[in-house]
């Protein structure tokens, strides 16, 4: 018979400690949940034309200097009765810069009548960079941060820029994925909503 070369007092090798196994499995399950939720969100797509935005209602803080009628925050519910243009943007977004001037021109055209409100929703950005962007493009309509990406998640945005046009009842009437090509394009959508 052969003897084992292992001393009798040496500890036996075991697998990974239980706490390591639990941690690894917990991380794997969490990753699977995140992937599943992401796939489900991608299948849902963004908010579509005809959806009522009551379930997406939000109150958003506004950047100093970009207040709406003196208020430091803006609520979608408070804007019922007006045409609302929600523009999701970011200072790091190249194509957002392509439409910044057009959005501001349209805002300045409609702003005096008070029937149309533009809201810029700054997505995954820093406030200093956002302020530089707003100054560079001379943007004057209300703008604020999407704190914790709650608004962009509610609207299920796929990227920036994305713009949502809401009628007086808060119903999404038009969704623009990507930048606008001209001020006239923006104005034609708003004019159609004003005529309803």
N, C-alpha and C. Protein backbone atom coordinates (compact mmCIF):
# COMPACT_ATOMS: atom_id res chain seq x y z
N UNK A 1 0.84 -1.17 0.00
CA UNK A 1 0.00 0.00 0.00
C UNK A 1 0.88 1.23 0.00
N UNK A 2 0.37 2.26 -0.64
CA UNK A 2 1.13 3.51 -0.68
C UNK A 2 0.55 4.50 0.31
N UNK A 3 1.44 5.27 0.89
CA UNK A 3 0.98 6.30 1.82
C UNK A 3 0.86 7.62 1.10
N UNK A 4 -0.03 8.41 1.59
CA UNK A 4 -0.16 9.76 1.01
C UNK A 4 1.00 10.61 1.49
N UNK A 5 1.42 11.54 0.65
CA UNK A 5 2.51 12.43 1.02
C UNK A 5 2.04 13.63 1.83
N UNK A 6 0.77 13.73 2.05
CA UNK A 6 0.22 14.87 2.77
C UNK A 6 0.32 14.63 4.26
N UNK A 7 0.88 15.60 4.99
CA UNK A 7 0.93 15.43 6.44
C UNK A 7 -0.47 15.38 7.02
N UNK A 8 -0.62 14.63 8.11
CA UNK A 8 -1.94 14.45 8.70
C UNK A 8 -2.49 15.72 9.30
N UNK A 9 -1.66 16.65 9.72
CA UNK A 9 -2.13 17.86 10.38
C UNK A 9 -2.40 19.02 9.42
N UNK A 10 -2.11 18.88 8.13
CA UNK A 10 -2.33 20.01 7.20
C UNK A 10 -3.82 20.17 6.92
N UNK A 11 -4.27 21.45 6.77
CA UNK A 11 -5.71 21.68 6.53
C UNK A 11 -6.11 21.18 5.15
N UNK A 12 -7.31 20.69 5.05
CA UNK A 12 -7.82 20.23 3.77
C UNK A 12 -8.24 21.43 2.94
N UNK A 13 -8.01 21.32 1.65
CA UNK A 13 -8.42 22.42 0.77
C UNK A 13 -9.92 22.32 0.53
N UNK A 14 -10.56 23.43 0.71
CA UNK A 14 -11.99 23.51 0.43
C UNK A 14 -12.16 24.45 -0.75
N UNK A 15 -13.35 24.57 -1.24
CA UNK A 15 -13.64 25.52 -2.31
C UNK A 15 -13.60 26.95 -1.78
N UNK A 16 -14.23 27.83 -2.52
CA UNK A 16 -14.31 29.22 -2.08
C UNK A 16 -15.13 29.32 -0.80
N UNK A 17 -14.80 30.28 0.05
CA UNK A 17 -15.61 30.48 1.25
C UNK A 17 -17.06 30.82 0.86
N UNK A 18 -17.96 30.48 1.73
CA UNK A 18 -19.38 30.68 1.48
C UNK A 18 -19.71 32.14 1.18
N UNK A 19 -19.12 33.07 1.90
CA UNK A 19 -19.43 34.49 1.68
C UNK A 19 -19.00 34.94 0.28
N UNK A 20 -17.92 34.37 -0.24
CA UNK A 20 -17.48 34.71 -1.60
C UNK A 20 -18.47 34.16 -2.62
N UNK A 21 -18.92 32.94 -2.40
CA UNK A 21 -19.90 32.34 -3.31
C UNK A 21 -21.19 33.15 -3.33
N UNK A 22 -21.66 33.54 -2.16
CA UNK A 22 -22.90 34.33 -2.08
C UNK A 22 -22.72 35.66 -2.80
N UNK A 23 -21.58 36.30 -2.59
CA UNK A 23 -21.31 37.59 -3.25
C UNK A 23 -21.29 37.44 -4.76
N UNK A 24 -20.58 36.43 -5.25
CA UNK A 24 -20.49 36.20 -6.70
C UNK A 24 -21.88 35.96 -7.29
N UNK A 25 -22.66 35.09 -6.66
CA UNK A 25 -24.00 34.80 -7.17
C UNK A 25 -24.90 36.04 -7.11
N UNK A 26 -24.78 36.82 -6.06
CA UNK A 26 -25.60 38.03 -5.93
C UNK A 26 -25.27 39.02 -7.05
N UNK A 27 -23.99 39.18 -7.34
CA UNK A 27 -23.58 40.08 -8.42
C UNK A 27 -24.10 39.58 -9.76
N UNK A 28 -23.99 38.29 -10.01
CA UNK A 28 -24.48 37.72 -11.26
C UNK A 28 -25.99 37.92 -11.42
N UNK A 29 -26.74 37.67 -10.36
CA UNK A 29 -28.19 37.87 -10.42
C UNK A 29 -28.51 39.34 -10.66
N UNK A 30 -27.81 40.24 -9.98
CA UNK A 30 -28.04 41.68 -10.17
C UNK A 30 -27.76 42.09 -11.62
N UNK A 31 -26.68 41.57 -12.19
CA UNK A 31 -26.37 41.88 -13.59
C UNK A 31 -27.45 41.37 -14.53
N UNK A 32 -27.93 40.17 -14.28
CA UNK A 32 -29.01 39.63 -15.12
C UNK A 32 -30.27 40.48 -15.03
N UNK A 33 -30.60 40.95 -13.85
CA UNK A 33 -31.77 41.81 -13.67
C UNK A 33 -31.59 43.10 -14.45
N UNK A 34 -30.41 43.72 -14.36
CA UNK A 34 -30.14 44.96 -15.08
C UNK A 34 -30.24 44.74 -16.59
N UNK A 35 -29.65 43.67 -17.08
CA UNK A 35 -29.72 43.36 -18.52
C UNK A 35 -31.16 43.14 -18.94
N UNK A 36 -31.92 42.37 -18.17
CA UNK A 36 -33.32 42.11 -18.50
C UNK A 36 -34.12 43.41 -18.54
N UNK A 37 -33.92 44.28 -17.54
CA UNK A 37 -34.65 45.55 -17.50
C UNK A 37 -34.27 46.42 -18.70
N UNK A 38 -32.99 46.43 -19.06
CA UNK A 38 -32.55 47.20 -20.21
C UNK A 38 -33.17 46.70 -21.50
N UNK A 39 -33.23 45.38 -21.66
CA UNK A 39 -33.85 44.80 -22.86
C UNK A 39 -35.34 45.10 -22.90
N UNK A 40 -35.99 45.02 -21.76
CA UNK A 40 -37.42 45.31 -21.70
C UNK A 40 -37.68 46.78 -22.06
N UNK A 41 -36.84 47.68 -21.53
CA UNK A 41 -36.99 49.11 -21.83
C UNK A 41 -36.76 49.37 -23.32
N UNK A 42 -35.77 48.71 -23.89
CA UNK A 42 -35.48 48.89 -25.32
C UNK A 42 -36.65 48.41 -26.17
N UNK A 43 -37.30 47.33 -25.75
CA UNK A 43 -38.46 46.83 -26.50
C UNK A 43 -39.64 47.77 -26.39
N UNK A 44 -39.79 48.43 -25.23
CA UNK A 44 -40.90 49.37 -25.05
C UNK A 44 -40.72 50.57 -25.96
N UNK A 45 -39.48 50.98 -26.19
CA UNK A 45 -39.22 52.17 -26.99
C UNK A 45 -39.57 53.41 -26.20
N UNK A 46 -39.40 54.55 -26.86
CA UNK A 46 -39.69 55.80 -26.18
C UNK A 46 -41.19 56.07 -26.15
N UNK A 47 -41.58 57.10 -25.44
CA UNK A 47 -42.98 57.50 -25.37
C UNK A 47 -43.46 57.81 -26.78
N UNK A 48 -44.63 57.34 -27.11
CA UNK A 48 -45.14 57.47 -28.47
C UNK A 48 -46.20 58.56 -28.60
N UNK A 49 -46.41 58.99 -29.82
CA UNK A 49 -47.46 59.95 -30.13
C UNK A 49 -48.80 59.39 -29.64
N UNK A 50 -49.57 60.25 -28.99
CA UNK A 50 -50.88 59.85 -28.49
C UNK A 50 -50.88 59.47 -27.03
N UNK A 51 -49.70 59.29 -26.43
CA UNK A 51 -49.65 58.96 -25.00
C UNK A 51 -49.89 60.21 -24.17
N UNK A 52 -50.69 60.05 -23.13
CA UNK A 52 -50.99 61.15 -22.21
C UNK A 52 -49.86 61.20 -21.19
N UNK A 53 -49.34 62.39 -20.93
CA UNK A 53 -48.15 62.51 -20.09
C UNK A 53 -48.44 62.63 -18.60
N UNK A 54 -49.69 62.48 -18.19
CA UNK A 54 -50.00 62.55 -16.76
C UNK A 54 -49.20 61.57 -15.95
N UNK A 55 -48.97 60.38 -16.50
CA UNK A 55 -48.20 59.37 -15.77
C UNK A 55 -46.71 59.69 -15.76
N UNK A 56 -46.29 60.64 -16.58
CA UNK A 56 -44.88 61.04 -16.61
C UNK A 56 -44.66 62.39 -15.93
N UNK A 57 -45.69 62.89 -15.25
CA UNK A 57 -45.59 64.22 -14.68
C UNK A 57 -44.32 64.37 -13.84
N UNK A 58 -43.75 65.54 -13.89
CA UNK A 58 -42.54 65.80 -13.12
C UNK A 58 -42.50 67.25 -12.67
N UNK A 59 -41.75 67.47 -11.63
CA UNK A 59 -41.37 68.81 -11.21
C UNK A 59 -39.86 68.82 -11.27
N UNK A 60 -39.32 69.79 -12.00
CA UNK A 60 -37.88 69.84 -12.24
C UNK A 60 -37.31 71.16 -11.75
N UNK A 61 -36.19 71.11 -11.02
CA UNK A 61 -35.53 72.37 -10.65
C UNK A 61 -34.94 73.00 -11.90
N UNK A 62 -34.91 74.31 -11.93
CA UNK A 62 -34.36 75.01 -13.09
C UNK A 62 -33.02 75.64 -12.72
N UNK A 63 -32.15 75.74 -13.72
CA UNK A 63 -30.87 76.41 -13.49
C UNK A 63 -31.14 77.88 -13.19
N UNK A 64 -30.34 78.46 -12.30
CA UNK A 64 -30.47 79.88 -12.00
C UNK A 64 -30.30 80.68 -13.29
N UNK A 65 -31.21 81.61 -13.51
CA UNK A 65 -31.17 82.41 -14.73
C UNK A 65 -32.02 81.83 -15.84
N UNK A 66 -32.55 80.63 -15.63
CA UNK A 66 -33.38 79.96 -16.64
C UNK A 66 -34.73 79.58 -16.06
N UNK A 67 -35.21 80.42 -15.16
CA UNK A 67 -36.48 80.18 -14.49
C UNK A 67 -37.66 80.42 -15.43
N UNK A 68 -38.80 79.84 -15.07
CA UNK A 68 -40.04 80.05 -15.82
C UNK A 68 -40.93 80.96 -15.00
N UNK A 69 -41.19 82.14 -15.53
CA UNK A 69 -42.04 83.13 -14.87
C UNK A 69 -41.61 83.34 -13.42
N UNK A 70 -40.31 83.39 -13.19
CA UNK A 70 -39.75 83.65 -11.87
C UNK A 70 -39.66 82.44 -10.95
N UNK A 71 -40.25 81.32 -11.34
CA UNK A 71 -40.24 80.12 -10.49
C UNK A 71 -38.93 79.34 -10.67
N UNK A 72 -38.42 78.81 -9.57
CA UNK A 72 -37.16 78.07 -9.59
C UNK A 72 -37.33 76.61 -10.00
N UNK A 73 -38.57 76.19 -10.17
CA UNK A 73 -38.84 74.84 -10.67
C UNK A 73 -40.06 74.90 -11.58
N UNK A 74 -40.20 73.86 -12.36
CA UNK A 74 -41.30 73.82 -13.32
C UNK A 74 -41.98 72.45 -13.22
N UNK A 75 -43.29 72.46 -13.34
CA UNK A 75 -44.07 71.22 -13.25
C UNK A 75 -44.87 71.05 -14.53
N UNK A 76 -44.86 69.85 -15.06
CA UNK A 76 -45.60 69.57 -16.28
C UNK A 76 -47.10 69.80 -16.07
N UNK A 77 -47.61 69.43 -14.91
CA UNK A 77 -49.03 69.62 -14.62
C UNK A 77 -49.43 71.09 -14.67
N UNK A 78 -48.55 71.95 -14.18
CA UNK A 78 -48.85 73.39 -14.16
C UNK A 78 -48.90 74.00 -15.56
N UNK A 79 -48.42 73.27 -16.54
CA UNK A 79 -48.38 73.80 -17.91
C UNK A 79 -49.56 73.35 -18.76
N UNK A 80 -50.51 72.63 -18.16
CA UNK A 80 -51.70 72.23 -18.92
C UNK A 80 -52.38 73.48 -19.44
N UNK A 81 -52.88 73.38 -20.66
CA UNK A 81 -53.49 74.53 -21.31
C UNK A 81 -52.51 75.24 -22.24
N UNK A 82 -51.25 74.82 -22.21
CA UNK A 82 -50.23 75.39 -23.10
C UNK A 82 -49.61 74.28 -23.94
N UNK A 83 -49.06 74.67 -25.07
CA UNK A 83 -48.28 73.75 -25.89
C UNK A 83 -46.91 73.66 -25.21
N UNK A 84 -46.41 72.44 -25.01
CA UNK A 84 -45.12 72.26 -24.33
C UNK A 84 -44.16 71.54 -25.26
N UNK A 85 -42.95 72.08 -25.34
CA UNK A 85 -41.88 71.48 -26.13
C UNK A 85 -40.80 71.04 -25.14
N UNK A 86 -40.63 69.72 -24.99
CA UNK A 86 -39.61 69.16 -24.09
C UNK A 86 -38.42 68.72 -24.92
N UNK A 87 -37.27 69.34 -24.68
CA UNK A 87 -36.07 68.99 -25.43
C UNK A 87 -35.02 68.39 -24.49
N UNK A 88 -34.69 67.11 -24.71
CA UNK A 88 -33.64 66.44 -23.96
C UNK A 88 -32.32 66.70 -24.68
N UNK A 89 -31.33 67.21 -23.97
CA UNK A 89 -30.05 67.58 -24.57
C UNK A 89 -28.92 67.35 -23.57
N UNK A 90 -27.68 67.51 -24.02
CA UNK A 90 -26.51 67.45 -23.15
C UNK A 90 -25.40 68.28 -23.78
N UNK A 91 -24.56 68.87 -22.96
CA UNK A 91 -23.47 69.71 -23.48
C UNK A 91 -22.46 68.90 -24.28
N UNK A 92 -22.34 67.62 -24.00
CA UNK A 92 -21.38 66.75 -24.69
C UNK A 92 -21.94 66.18 -26.00
N UNK A 93 -23.20 66.45 -26.28
CA UNK A 93 -23.88 65.91 -27.45
C UNK A 93 -23.61 66.78 -28.68
N UNK A 94 -22.95 66.23 -29.67
CA UNK A 94 -22.59 66.98 -30.87
C UNK A 94 -23.83 67.42 -31.64
N UNK A 95 -24.79 66.52 -31.84
CA UNK A 95 -25.96 66.87 -32.64
C UNK A 95 -26.91 67.81 -31.90
N UNK A 96 -26.82 67.87 -30.57
CA UNK A 96 -27.63 68.84 -29.81
C UNK A 96 -27.21 70.26 -30.20
N UNK A 97 -25.93 70.44 -30.43
CA UNK A 97 -25.40 71.75 -30.81
C UNK A 97 -25.94 72.16 -32.18
N UNK A 98 -26.20 71.16 -33.03
CA UNK A 98 -26.70 71.44 -34.38
C UNK A 98 -28.08 72.06 -34.37
N UNK A 99 -28.88 71.79 -33.33
CA UNK A 99 -30.25 72.30 -33.29
C UNK A 99 -30.47 73.41 -32.26
N UNK A 100 -29.45 73.75 -31.50
CA UNK A 100 -29.60 74.73 -30.41
C UNK A 100 -30.12 76.07 -30.90
N UNK A 101 -29.56 76.57 -31.98
CA UNK A 101 -29.97 77.88 -32.52
C UNK A 101 -31.41 77.84 -33.00
N UNK A 102 -31.79 76.77 -33.67
CA UNK A 102 -33.15 76.64 -34.20
C UNK A 102 -34.19 76.61 -33.07
N UNK A 103 -33.90 75.86 -32.02
CA UNK A 103 -34.82 75.81 -30.88
C UNK A 103 -34.97 77.18 -30.24
N UNK A 104 -33.86 77.89 -30.06
CA UNK A 104 -33.92 79.22 -29.45
C UNK A 104 -34.69 80.20 -30.33
N UNK A 105 -34.48 80.14 -31.64
CA UNK A 105 -35.22 81.02 -32.56
C UNK A 105 -36.72 80.76 -32.46
N UNK A 106 -37.12 79.50 -32.43
CA UNK A 106 -38.54 79.17 -32.31
C UNK A 106 -39.09 79.65 -30.97
N UNK A 107 -38.35 79.45 -29.89
CA UNK A 107 -38.77 79.92 -28.57
C UNK A 107 -39.01 81.42 -28.57
N UNK A 108 -38.08 82.17 -29.12
CA UNK A 108 -38.21 83.63 -29.12
C UNK A 108 -39.40 84.09 -29.95
N UNK A 109 -39.75 83.33 -30.96
CA UNK A 109 -40.91 83.67 -31.78
C UNK A 109 -42.21 83.47 -31.00
N UNK A 110 -42.34 82.36 -30.30
CA UNK A 110 -43.60 82.01 -29.62
C UNK A 110 -43.69 82.54 -28.19
N UNK A 111 -42.59 82.81 -27.56
CA UNK A 111 -42.56 83.17 -26.15
C UNK A 111 -43.43 84.38 -25.79
N UNK A 112 -43.46 85.46 -26.57
CA UNK A 112 -44.25 86.62 -26.16
C UNK A 112 -45.75 86.34 -25.97
N UNK A 113 -46.32 85.42 -26.74
CA UNK A 113 -47.75 85.12 -26.62
C UNK A 113 -48.07 84.27 -25.39
N UNK A 114 -47.10 83.56 -24.86
CA UNK A 114 -47.31 82.76 -23.66
C UNK A 114 -48.09 81.47 -23.85
N UNK A 115 -48.39 81.11 -25.10
CA UNK A 115 -49.16 79.88 -25.35
C UNK A 115 -48.27 78.65 -25.51
N UNK A 116 -46.98 78.89 -25.71
CA UNK A 116 -46.03 77.80 -25.94
C UNK A 116 -44.89 77.93 -24.92
N UNK A 117 -44.55 76.81 -24.28
CA UNK A 117 -43.44 76.80 -23.32
C UNK A 117 -42.42 75.76 -23.77
N UNK A 118 -41.18 76.18 -23.87
CA UNK A 118 -40.08 75.26 -24.14
C UNK A 118 -39.43 74.92 -22.80
N UNK A 119 -39.04 73.65 -22.65
CA UNK A 119 -38.29 73.22 -21.47
C UNK A 119 -37.10 72.41 -21.95
N UNK A 120 -35.91 72.86 -21.60
CA UNK A 120 -34.70 72.11 -21.88
C UNK A 120 -34.40 71.20 -20.70
N UNK A 121 -34.21 69.92 -20.97
CA UNK A 121 -33.92 68.94 -19.92
C UNK A 121 -32.50 68.42 -20.15
N UNK A 122 -31.59 68.86 -19.29
CA UNK A 122 -30.18 68.52 -19.42
C UNK A 122 -29.95 67.10 -18.90
N UNK A 123 -29.47 66.24 -19.79
CA UNK A 123 -29.34 64.81 -19.52
C UNK A 123 -27.89 64.42 -19.22
N UNK A 124 -27.65 63.77 -18.10
CA UNK A 124 -26.35 63.21 -17.71
C UNK A 124 -25.21 64.20 -18.01
N UNK A 125 -25.20 65.27 -17.27
CA UNK A 125 -24.28 66.36 -17.54
C UNK A 125 -23.85 66.97 -16.21
N UNK A 126 -22.89 67.86 -16.25
CA UNK A 126 -22.54 68.63 -15.06
C UNK A 126 -23.10 70.03 -15.22
N UNK A 127 -23.46 70.65 -14.13
CA UNK A 127 -24.04 71.99 -14.22
C UNK A 127 -23.08 73.00 -14.84
N UNK A 128 -21.79 73.01 -14.49
CA UNK A 128 -20.89 73.97 -15.13
C UNK A 128 -20.84 73.81 -16.66
N UNK A 129 -20.76 72.56 -17.13
CA UNK A 129 -20.73 72.34 -18.58
C UNK A 129 -22.05 72.73 -19.22
N UNK A 130 -23.15 72.45 -18.55
CA UNK A 130 -24.47 72.82 -19.07
C UNK A 130 -24.59 74.33 -19.20
N UNK A 131 -24.12 75.05 -18.19
CA UNK A 131 -24.20 76.52 -18.22
C UNK A 131 -23.35 77.10 -19.36
N UNK A 132 -22.18 76.52 -19.59
CA UNK A 132 -21.34 76.97 -20.70
C UNK A 132 -22.08 76.78 -22.02
N UNK A 133 -22.71 75.64 -22.19
CA UNK A 133 -23.49 75.34 -23.40
C UNK A 133 -24.63 76.36 -23.57
N UNK A 134 -25.39 76.60 -22.51
CA UNK A 134 -26.53 77.52 -22.59
C UNK A 134 -26.07 78.93 -22.96
N UNK A 135 -24.95 79.35 -22.39
CA UNK A 135 -24.41 80.69 -22.72
C UNK A 135 -23.90 80.75 -24.16
N UNK A 136 -23.17 79.72 -24.55
CA UNK A 136 -22.58 79.69 -25.89
C UNK A 136 -23.65 79.83 -26.98
N UNK A 137 -24.79 79.18 -26.77
CA UNK A 137 -25.85 79.22 -27.79
C UNK A 137 -26.94 80.23 -27.46
N UNK A 138 -26.69 81.08 -26.46
CA UNK A 138 -27.60 82.17 -26.09
C UNK A 138 -29.02 81.67 -25.86
N UNK A 139 -29.13 80.56 -25.16
CA UNK A 139 -30.44 79.96 -24.89
C UNK A 139 -31.09 80.67 -23.71
N UNK A 140 -32.37 81.02 -23.87
CA UNK A 140 -33.08 81.78 -22.84
C UNK A 140 -34.30 81.05 -22.28
N UNK A 141 -34.74 79.96 -22.90
CA UNK A 141 -35.93 79.28 -22.39
C UNK A 141 -35.57 78.46 -21.15
N UNK A 142 -36.59 78.10 -20.33
CA UNK A 142 -36.33 77.37 -19.08
C UNK A 142 -35.54 76.08 -19.31
N UNK A 143 -34.54 75.89 -18.47
CA UNK A 143 -33.67 74.71 -18.56
C UNK A 143 -33.30 74.24 -17.17
N UNK A 144 -33.18 72.93 -17.02
CA UNK A 144 -32.77 72.38 -15.74
C UNK A 144 -32.22 70.98 -15.90
N UNK A 145 -31.64 70.46 -14.82
CA UNK A 145 -31.05 69.13 -14.87
C UNK A 145 -32.08 68.03 -14.67
N UNK A 146 -31.85 66.92 -15.31
CA UNK A 146 -32.67 65.72 -15.11
C UNK A 146 -32.05 64.96 -13.94
N UNK A 147 -32.44 65.35 -12.73
CA UNK A 147 -31.86 64.78 -11.51
C UNK A 147 -32.10 63.27 -11.46
N UNK A 148 -31.02 62.52 -11.41
CA UNK A 148 -31.13 61.06 -11.33
C UNK A 148 -31.73 60.43 -12.57
N UNK A 149 -31.75 61.14 -13.67
CA UNK A 149 -32.33 60.71 -14.96
C UNK A 149 -33.78 60.24 -14.84
N UNK A 150 -34.51 60.75 -13.86
CA UNK A 150 -35.89 60.32 -13.65
C UNK A 150 -36.81 60.69 -14.81
N UNK A 151 -36.63 61.90 -15.35
CA UNK A 151 -37.51 62.34 -16.44
C UNK A 151 -37.20 61.56 -17.71
N UNK A 152 -35.91 61.43 -18.03
CA UNK A 152 -35.54 60.69 -19.24
C UNK A 152 -35.96 59.23 -19.15
N UNK A 153 -35.92 58.65 -17.95
CA UNK A 153 -36.40 57.28 -17.78
C UNK A 153 -37.90 57.19 -17.98
N UNK A 154 -38.63 58.17 -17.47
CA UNK A 154 -40.09 58.17 -17.63
C UNK A 154 -40.47 58.27 -19.11
N UNK A 155 -39.72 59.07 -19.86
CA UNK A 155 -39.99 59.22 -21.29
C UNK A 155 -39.28 58.15 -22.12
N UNK A 156 -38.50 57.30 -21.46
CA UNK A 156 -37.79 56.19 -22.10
C UNK A 156 -36.95 56.67 -23.29
N UNK A 157 -36.24 57.79 -23.08
CA UNK A 157 -35.45 58.31 -24.20
C UNK A 157 -34.37 57.31 -24.58
N UNK A 158 -34.03 57.31 -25.85
CA UNK A 158 -33.02 56.39 -26.37
C UNK A 158 -31.67 57.09 -26.54
N UNK A 159 -31.68 58.42 -26.53
CA UNK A 159 -30.46 59.21 -26.71
C UNK A 159 -30.82 60.68 -26.74
N UNK A 160 -29.83 61.50 -27.01
CA UNK A 160 -30.08 62.93 -27.15
C UNK A 160 -29.51 63.40 -28.48
N UNK A 161 -30.14 64.39 -29.11
CA UNK A 161 -31.35 65.08 -28.67
C UNK A 161 -32.62 64.29 -29.00
N UNK A 162 -33.59 64.47 -28.15
CA UNK A 162 -34.96 64.00 -28.40
C UNK A 162 -35.89 65.11 -27.95
N UNK A 163 -36.93 65.35 -28.73
CA UNK A 163 -37.87 66.43 -28.42
C UNK A 163 -39.29 65.91 -28.50
N UNK A 164 -40.09 66.28 -27.50
CA UNK A 164 -41.49 65.86 -27.40
C UNK A 164 -42.37 67.10 -27.43
N UNK A 165 -43.38 67.08 -28.29
CA UNK A 165 -44.35 68.17 -28.39
C UNK A 165 -45.65 67.70 -27.76
N UNK A 166 -46.11 68.43 -26.75
CA UNK A 166 -47.33 68.08 -26.03
C UNK A 166 -48.41 69.10 -26.34
N UNK A 167 -49.64 68.62 -26.53
CA UNK A 167 -50.74 69.55 -26.76
C UNK A 167 -51.21 70.13 -25.43
N UNK A 168 -52.26 70.93 -25.49
CA UNK A 168 -52.76 71.62 -24.29
C UNK A 168 -53.26 70.66 -23.20
N UNK A 169 -53.59 69.43 -23.59
CA UNK A 169 -54.06 68.43 -22.63
C UNK A 169 -52.93 67.54 -22.11
N UNK A 170 -51.71 67.81 -22.54
CA UNK A 170 -50.57 67.00 -22.10
C UNK A 170 -50.38 65.72 -22.87
N UNK A 171 -50.98 65.63 -24.05
CA UNK A 171 -50.84 64.44 -24.89
C UNK A 171 -49.67 64.64 -25.85
N UNK A 172 -48.82 63.63 -25.97
CA UNK A 172 -47.69 63.70 -26.90
C UNK A 172 -48.24 63.68 -28.32
N UNK A 173 -47.94 64.73 -29.08
CA UNK A 173 -48.44 64.83 -30.45
C UNK A 173 -47.35 64.61 -31.50
N UNK A 174 -46.11 64.83 -31.10
CA UNK A 174 -45.01 64.62 -32.05
C UNK A 174 -43.74 64.29 -31.26
N UNK A 175 -42.96 63.35 -31.78
CA UNK A 175 -41.68 62.99 -31.19
C UNK A 175 -40.61 63.17 -32.25
N UNK A 176 -39.59 63.94 -31.92
CA UNK A 176 -38.47 64.17 -32.84
C UNK A 176 -37.24 63.47 -32.27
N UNK A 177 -36.80 62.41 -32.93
CA UNK A 177 -35.58 61.72 -32.53
C UNK A 177 -34.44 62.29 -33.36
N UNK A 178 -33.45 62.84 -32.72
CA UNK A 178 -32.36 63.48 -33.43
C UNK A 178 -32.63 64.96 -33.61
N UNK A 179 -31.67 65.66 -34.22
CA UNK A 179 -31.77 67.12 -34.31
C UNK A 179 -32.76 67.58 -35.39
N UNK A 180 -33.25 68.80 -35.18
CA UNK A 180 -34.08 69.45 -36.19
C UNK A 180 -33.18 70.00 -37.28
N UNK A 181 -33.71 70.08 -38.48
CA UNK A 181 -32.94 70.60 -39.60
C UNK A 181 -33.11 72.10 -39.78
N UNK A 182 -34.23 72.64 -39.25
CA UNK A 182 -34.48 74.07 -39.43
C UNK A 182 -35.47 74.57 -38.39
N UNK A 183 -35.50 75.88 -38.23
CA UNK A 183 -36.50 76.51 -37.36
C UNK A 183 -37.89 76.29 -37.93
N UNK A 184 -38.00 76.32 -39.25
CA UNK A 184 -39.30 76.13 -39.91
C UNK A 184 -39.89 74.76 -39.57
N UNK A 185 -39.05 73.75 -39.45
CA UNK A 185 -39.53 72.41 -39.09
C UNK A 185 -40.17 72.43 -37.71
N UNK A 186 -39.54 73.09 -36.75
CA UNK A 186 -40.08 73.20 -35.39
C UNK A 186 -41.38 73.99 -35.41
N UNK A 187 -41.38 75.10 -36.13
CA UNK A 187 -42.55 75.99 -36.16
C UNK A 187 -43.75 75.32 -36.81
N UNK A 188 -43.52 74.49 -37.80
CA UNK A 188 -44.66 73.83 -38.46
C UNK A 188 -45.36 72.87 -37.49
N UNK A 189 -44.60 72.21 -36.64
CA UNK A 189 -45.19 71.30 -35.65
C UNK A 189 -45.99 72.11 -34.62
N UNK A 190 -45.40 73.19 -34.14
CA UNK A 190 -46.08 74.03 -33.14
C UNK A 190 -47.32 74.68 -33.73
N UNK A 191 -47.22 75.19 -34.94
CA UNK A 191 -48.39 75.83 -35.58
C UNK A 191 -49.55 74.86 -35.72
N UNK A 192 -49.26 73.61 -36.05
CA UNK A 192 -50.32 72.61 -36.16
C UNK A 192 -50.98 72.38 -34.80
N UNK A 193 -50.21 72.38 -33.74
CA UNK A 193 -50.77 72.19 -32.40
C UNK A 193 -51.59 73.41 -31.96
N UNK A 194 -51.13 74.59 -32.31
CA UNK A 194 -51.88 75.80 -31.96
C UNK A 194 -53.21 75.87 -32.69
N UNK A 195 -53.26 75.26 -33.89
CA UNK A 195 -54.48 75.29 -34.70
C UNK A 195 -55.53 74.29 -34.20
N UNK A 196 -55.13 73.34 -33.37
CA UNK A 196 -56.09 72.32 -32.88
C UNK A 196 -57.13 72.94 -31.97
